[in-house]
Amino acid sequence: MKRFVTMGRGGSGKTTFVALMTKYFIEKGETPLLLVDVDPDQNLAEMVGIDLREEGRKTVSELLIETFLDRGGTTVGVPPSERLESKIWELGLYEGDYFDMMAIGTKFIEGCYCLPDAALKKVLEALTKSYTYVLIDSPGGLEHLNRRIASQVDDIFDIIDPSQKSFHHVARAYKVAKEVKIDFNNFYVVGGSRVPDEWEEEVEKRTKLQYLGKISHDKEVENYVLHGKPLLDLPESSPAYNSVKKIMQKAGY
């Protein structure tokens, strides 16, 4: 089992990257996969063709609200993460032919994501051993990384856009990962579709990290996202999909 974390500023293309990475592993026959959507926008399910609500699945945050607010459960005694573990298995995990999926959802209460993150971390520690790959789609900020949802990661992919802030995000993310002692093998940089083709040297010079290439601009991806069609159904000729294939092959997959 290998764990991948994809991060980046909002709108950089990280969820598209995770969806196309999912397509790549499915077509290679390297399954089962576990997809974990830690982004409160919850776009990943739609991009892989799943409606979690229609499937009767609940987010970690929804299960927390039901347990500790609607039903008046106490957080004293047994840790909330342990109380929720079985509920996440039973009510939060979508199970499909090639991949399973869970989502953290929107905020549990006013303030931070501490309780949902703690519950998700506990479940991931027990759950992930049965999968070939675990693909974690992170939000734009670094708070989830700081709380070490996954403390052992094989590869981190930071998706950049053509901005100074994006380079700053890479530097901060790498620094935070080191400071909170996340055990990772590789920290890669990947260009979003708006990054110029000739930026490889510039990116590696600025970040001091390996640049795997960029996700190619693809009108068909825009069309699929606009109409809510799963990116898993993109044709083999898709420029975006083929660029992600090359990126993953460059990373050794």
Protein backbone atom coordinates (compact mmCIF):
# COMPACT_ATOMS: atom_id res chain seq x y z
CA MET A 1 0.00 0.00 0.00
CA LYS A 2 1.22 3.46 -0.89
CA ARG A 3 -0.21 6.79 0.19
CA PHE A 4 -0.26 9.92 -1.95
CA VAL A 5 -1.23 13.39 -0.78
CA THR A 6 -2.14 16.01 -3.38
CA MET A 7 -2.20 19.64 -2.32
CA GLY A 8 -2.05 23.12 -3.77
CA ARG A 9 -3.75 26.48 -3.75
CA GLY A 10 -7.46 26.63 -4.53
CA GLY A 11 -8.12 26.31 -8.26
CA SER A 12 -4.68 24.94 -9.10
CA GLY A 13 -6.09 21.65 -10.43
CA LYS A 14 -5.35 19.27 -7.56
CA THR A 15 -8.74 17.53 -7.61
CA THR A 16 -8.51 17.06 -11.38
CA PHE A 17 -5.08 15.54 -10.83
CA VAL A 18 -6.43 13.08 -8.23
CA ALA A 19 -9.32 12.06 -10.50
CA LEU A 20 -6.99 11.47 -13.46
CA MET A 21 -4.54 9.61 -11.25
CA THR A 22 -7.47 7.39 -10.22
CA LYS A 23 -8.27 6.74 -13.90
CA TYR A 24 -4.62 5.87 -14.55
CA PHE A 25 -4.42 3.28 -11.77
CA ILE A 26 -7.77 1.74 -12.69
CA GLU A 27 -6.72 1.31 -16.32
CA LYS A 28 -3.41 -0.19 -15.20
CA GLY A 29 -5.34 -2.69 -13.07
CA GLU A 30 -3.65 -1.49 -9.88
CA THR A 31 -6.67 -1.56 -7.59
CA PRO A 32 -8.38 -1.39 -5.11
CA LEU A 33 -7.93 2.29 -4.39
CA LEU A 34 -9.09 4.42 -1.49
CA LEU A 35 -9.97 8.03 -2.30
CA VAL A 36 -10.08 10.45 0.64
CA ASP A 37 -11.55 13.91 0.04
CA VAL A 38 -10.29 16.25 2.76
CA ASP A 39 -11.34 19.37 0.83
CA PRO A 40 -14.58 20.88 2.24
CA ASP A 41 -15.63 21.79 -1.32
CA GLN A 42 -16.12 18.04 -1.89
CA ASN A 43 -15.53 18.09 -5.65
CA LEU A 44 -13.71 14.78 -5.91
CA ALA A 45 -16.79 12.55 -5.73
CA GLU A 46 -18.42 14.31 -8.69
CA MET A 47 -15.21 14.14 -10.71
CA VAL A 48 -15.09 10.35 -10.30
CA GLY A 49 -18.83 9.91 -10.90
CA ILE A 50 -20.10 9.36 -7.35
CA ASP A 51 -22.95 11.09 -5.52
CA LEU A 52 -22.25 10.23 -1.89
CA ARG A 53 -25.67 11.42 -0.71
CA GLU A 54 -27.51 9.30 -3.29
CA GLU A 55 -25.34 6.36 -2.26
CA GLY A 56 -26.45 6.88 1.34
CA ARG A 57 -22.96 7.80 2.51
CA LYS A 58 -22.26 10.51 5.08
CA THR A 59 -19.22 12.68 5.56
CA VAL A 60 -17.11 12.49 8.71
CA SER A 61 -18.41 15.92 9.73
CA GLU A 62 -22.04 14.82 9.28
CA LEU A 63 -21.44 11.79 11.48
CA LEU A 64 -19.87 14.00 14.13
CA ILE A 65 -22.85 16.36 14.08
CA GLU A 66 -25.30 13.47 14.39
CA THR A 67 -23.36 11.88 17.24
CA PHE A 68 -22.34 14.86 19.34
CA LEU A 69 -24.87 17.59 18.53
CA ASP A 70 -28.15 16.11 17.29
CA ARG A 71 -28.06 13.17 19.72
CA GLY A 72 -26.30 14.95 22.54
CA GLY A 73 -23.36 12.58 22.75
CA THR A 74 -20.56 13.41 25.16
CA THR A 75 -16.92 13.83 24.24
CA VAL A 76 -15.90 12.79 27.77
CA GLY A 77 -14.49 9.30 28.35
CA VAL A 78 -14.04 7.35 25.14
CA PRO A 79 -12.24 9.56 22.58
CA PRO A 80 -14.62 10.87 19.88
CA SER A 81 -12.44 9.37 17.15
CA GLU A 82 -12.89 5.88 18.62
CA ARG A 83 -16.65 6.32 18.97
CA LEU A 84 -16.87 7.33 15.33
CA GLU A 85 -14.62 4.67 13.81
CA SER A 86 -17.33 2.04 13.36
CA LYS A 87 -19.81 4.64 12.08
CA ILE A 88 -17.40 5.82 9.42
CA TRP A 89 -16.86 2.23 8.31
CA GLU A 90 -20.62 1.56 8.22
CA LEU A 91 -22.10 4.88 7.08
CA GLY A 92 -19.26 6.96 5.64
CA LEU A 93 -17.37 4.61 3.35
CA TYR A 94 -18.55 4.34 -0.25
CA GLU A 95 -17.52 0.97 -1.72
CA GLY A 96 -17.17 0.59 -5.49
CA ASP A 97 -15.78 -1.90 -7.98
CA TYR A 98 -12.37 -0.27 -8.34
CA PHE A 99 -12.20 2.25 -5.53
CA ASP A 100 -13.73 3.11 -2.19
CA MET A 101 -14.17 6.67 -1.00
CA MET A 102 -14.79 8.83 2.06
CA ALA A 103 -15.04 12.59 2.58
CA ILE A 104 -14.42 14.83 5.57
CA GLY A 105 -17.20 17.28 4.64
CA THR A 106 -17.79 20.83 5.84
CA LYS A 107 -16.93 22.10 9.30
CA PHE A 108 -18.23 20.13 12.28
CA ILE A 109 -18.72 23.22 14.42
CA GLU A 110 -17.67 26.87 14.35
CA GLY A 111 -13.89 26.96 14.32
CA CYS A 112 -11.37 24.37 13.19
CA TYR A 113 -11.48 20.86 11.75
CA CYS A 114 -9.78 19.30 14.80
CA LEU A 115 -12.43 16.68 15.59
CA PRO A 116 -13.11 15.58 11.99
CA ASP A 117 -9.37 15.40 11.31
CA ALA A 118 -8.76 13.31 14.44
CA ALA A 119 -11.57 10.91 13.53
CA LEU A 120 -10.39 10.58 9.94
CA LYS A 121 -6.80 9.97 11.04
CA LYS A 122 -7.90 7.18 13.38
CA VAL A 123 -9.91 5.45 10.66
CA LEU A 124 -7.17 5.79 8.05
CA GLU A 125 -4.67 4.12 10.36
CA ALA A 126 -6.87 1.02 10.50
CA LEU A 127 -8.40 1.09 7.03
CA THR A 128 -5.65 1.72 4.54
CA LYS A 129 -3.77 -1.57 4.79
CA SER A 130 -6.14 -3.34 2.39
CA TYR A 131 -5.66 -0.94 -0.55
CA THR A 132 -3.04 -0.77 -3.29
CA TYR A 133 -2.99 3.04 -3.21
CA VAL A 134 -4.56 5.67 -0.97
CA LEU A 135 -5.14 9.01 -2.75
CA ILE A 136 -5.76 11.98 -0.46
CA ASP A 137 -7.13 15.21 -1.96
CA SER A 138 -6.25 18.08 0.40
CA PRO A 139 -7.78 21.57 0.65
CA GLY A 140 -6.04 24.78 -0.31
CA GLY A 141 -4.80 25.50 3.23
CA LEU A 142 -2.23 23.61 5.27
CA GLU A 143 -4.19 23.01 8.48
CA HIS A 144 -4.94 19.36 7.70
CA LEU A 145 -1.28 18.73 6.92
CA ASN A 146 -0.38 20.41 10.19
CA ARG A 147 -2.65 18.00 12.08
CA ARG A 148 -0.99 15.01 10.40
CA ILE A 149 -4.08 13.26 9.01
CA ALA A 150 -1.59 10.91 7.37
CA SER A 151 1.71 10.80 9.21
CA GLN A 152 3.31 8.35 6.77
CA VAL A 153 3.15 9.25 3.09
CA ASP A 154 4.99 7.88 0.09
CA ASP A 155 4.60 10.84 -2.25
CA ILE A 156 3.34 14.41 -1.88
CA PHE A 157 2.27 16.21 -5.06
CA ASP A 158 1.96 19.99 -4.81
CA ILE A 159 0.04 21.40 -7.78
CA ILE A 160 1.08 24.94 -8.66
CA ASP A 161 -0.48 27.77 -10.64
CA PRO A 162 1.52 30.53 -12.37
CA SER A 163 1.83 32.81 -9.34
CA GLN A 164 4.32 33.87 -6.68
CA LYS A 165 1.85 32.72 -4.01
CA SER A 166 1.95 29.22 -5.45
CA PHE A 167 5.71 29.03 -4.99
CA HIS A 168 5.27 30.29 -1.43
CA HIS A 169 2.69 27.55 -0.85
CA VAL A 170 5.19 24.88 -1.91
CA ALA A 171 7.84 26.28 0.44
CA ARG A 172 5.43 26.45 3.38
CA ALA A 173 3.99 23.00 2.73
CA TYR A 174 7.44 21.42 2.57
CA LYS A 175 8.47 23.25 5.75
CA VAL A 176 5.31 22.21 7.64
CA ALA A 177 5.65 18.58 6.54
CA LYS A 178 9.19 18.51 7.91
CA GLU A 179 8.33 20.37 11.11
CA VAL A 180 5.41 18.12 12.09
CA LYS A 181 7.50 15.08 11.17
CA ILE A 182 5.38 13.66 8.37
CA ASP A 183 7.37 10.72 7.04
CA PHE A 184 7.42 11.05 3.24
CA ASN A 185 9.66 9.66 0.51
CA ASN A 186 9.17 12.28 -2.21
CA PHE A 187 7.83 15.82 -2.44
CA TYR A 188 7.03 16.56 -6.07
CA VAL A 189 5.87 19.71 -7.83
CA VAL A 190 3.33 19.45 -10.67
CA GLY A 191 2.18 22.32 -12.87
CA GLY A 192 -1.49 23.06 -13.29
CA SER A 193 -2.87 23.58 -16.77
CA ARG A 194 -2.17 27.35 -16.73
CA VAL A 195 1.54 26.95 -16.00
CA PRO A 196 3.68 27.74 -19.09
CA ASP A 197 5.25 24.73 -20.81
CA GLU A 198 8.77 26.11 -20.51
CA TRP A 199 8.70 26.53 -16.72
CA GLU A 200 10.53 23.33 -15.71
CA GLU A 201 13.87 25.01 -15.04
CA GLU A 202 12.21 27.96 -13.30
CA VAL A 203 10.15 25.72 -10.99
CA GLU A 204 13.08 23.54 -9.95
CA LYS A 205 15.28 26.60 -9.43
CA ARG A 206 12.71 28.26 -7.17
CA THR A 207 11.53 25.21 -5.21
CA LYS A 208 14.68 23.05 -5.16
CA LEU A 209 12.28 20.13 -5.71
CA GLN A 210 11.69 17.76 -8.63
CA TYR A 211 9.20 19.06 -11.19
CA LEU A 212 7.28 16.24 -12.85
CA GLY A 213 5.67 18.31 -15.60
CA LYS A 214 2.29 19.96 -16.05
CA ILE A 215 -1.29 18.89 -16.57
CA SER A 216 -2.08 19.74 -20.18
CA HIS A 217 -4.88 22.17 -20.89
CA ASP A 218 -7.87 20.17 -22.11
CA LYS A 219 -11.17 21.65 -23.35
CA GLU A 220 -12.83 18.30 -22.83
CA VAL A 221 -11.96 18.33 -19.12
CA GLU A 222 -13.58 21.75 -18.82
CA ASN A 223 -16.66 20.42 -20.60
CA TYR A 224 -16.87 17.35 -18.37
CA VAL A 225 -16.54 19.41 -15.20
CA LEU A 226 -19.12 21.95 -16.41
CA HIS A 227 -21.70 19.22 -17.05
CA GLY A 228 -20.87 17.06 -14.05
CA LYS A 229 -19.50 14.17 -16.10
CA PRO A 230 -16.90 11.90 -14.46
CA LEU A 231 -13.33 12.40 -15.62
CA LEU A 232 -12.93 8.63 -15.49
CA ASP A 233 -14.90 8.57 -18.77
CA LEU A 234 -12.47 10.79 -20.65
CA PRO A 235 -11.21 9.20 -23.87
CA GLU A 236 -7.71 7.75 -24.10
CA SER A 237 -6.80 10.64 -26.40
CA SER A 238 -7.40 13.24 -23.69
CA PRO A 239 -4.37 15.58 -23.46
CA ALA A 240 -4.90 16.09 -19.72
CA TYR A 241 -5.13 12.37 -19.03
CA ASN A 242 -2.05 11.58 -21.10
CA SER A 243 -0.06 14.28 -19.33
CA VAL A 244 -0.99 12.79 -15.94
CA LYS A 245 0.05 9.36 -17.22
CA LYS A 246 3.47 10.79 -18.08
CA ILE A 247 3.70 12.52 -14.71
CA MET A 248 2.95 9.31 -12.82
CA GLN A 249 5.36 7.32 -14.98
CA LYS A 250 8.06 9.89 -14.25
CA ALA A 251 7.33 9.41 -10.53
CA GLY A 252 7.93 5.69 -10.98
CA TYR A 253 4.38 4.42 -11.45
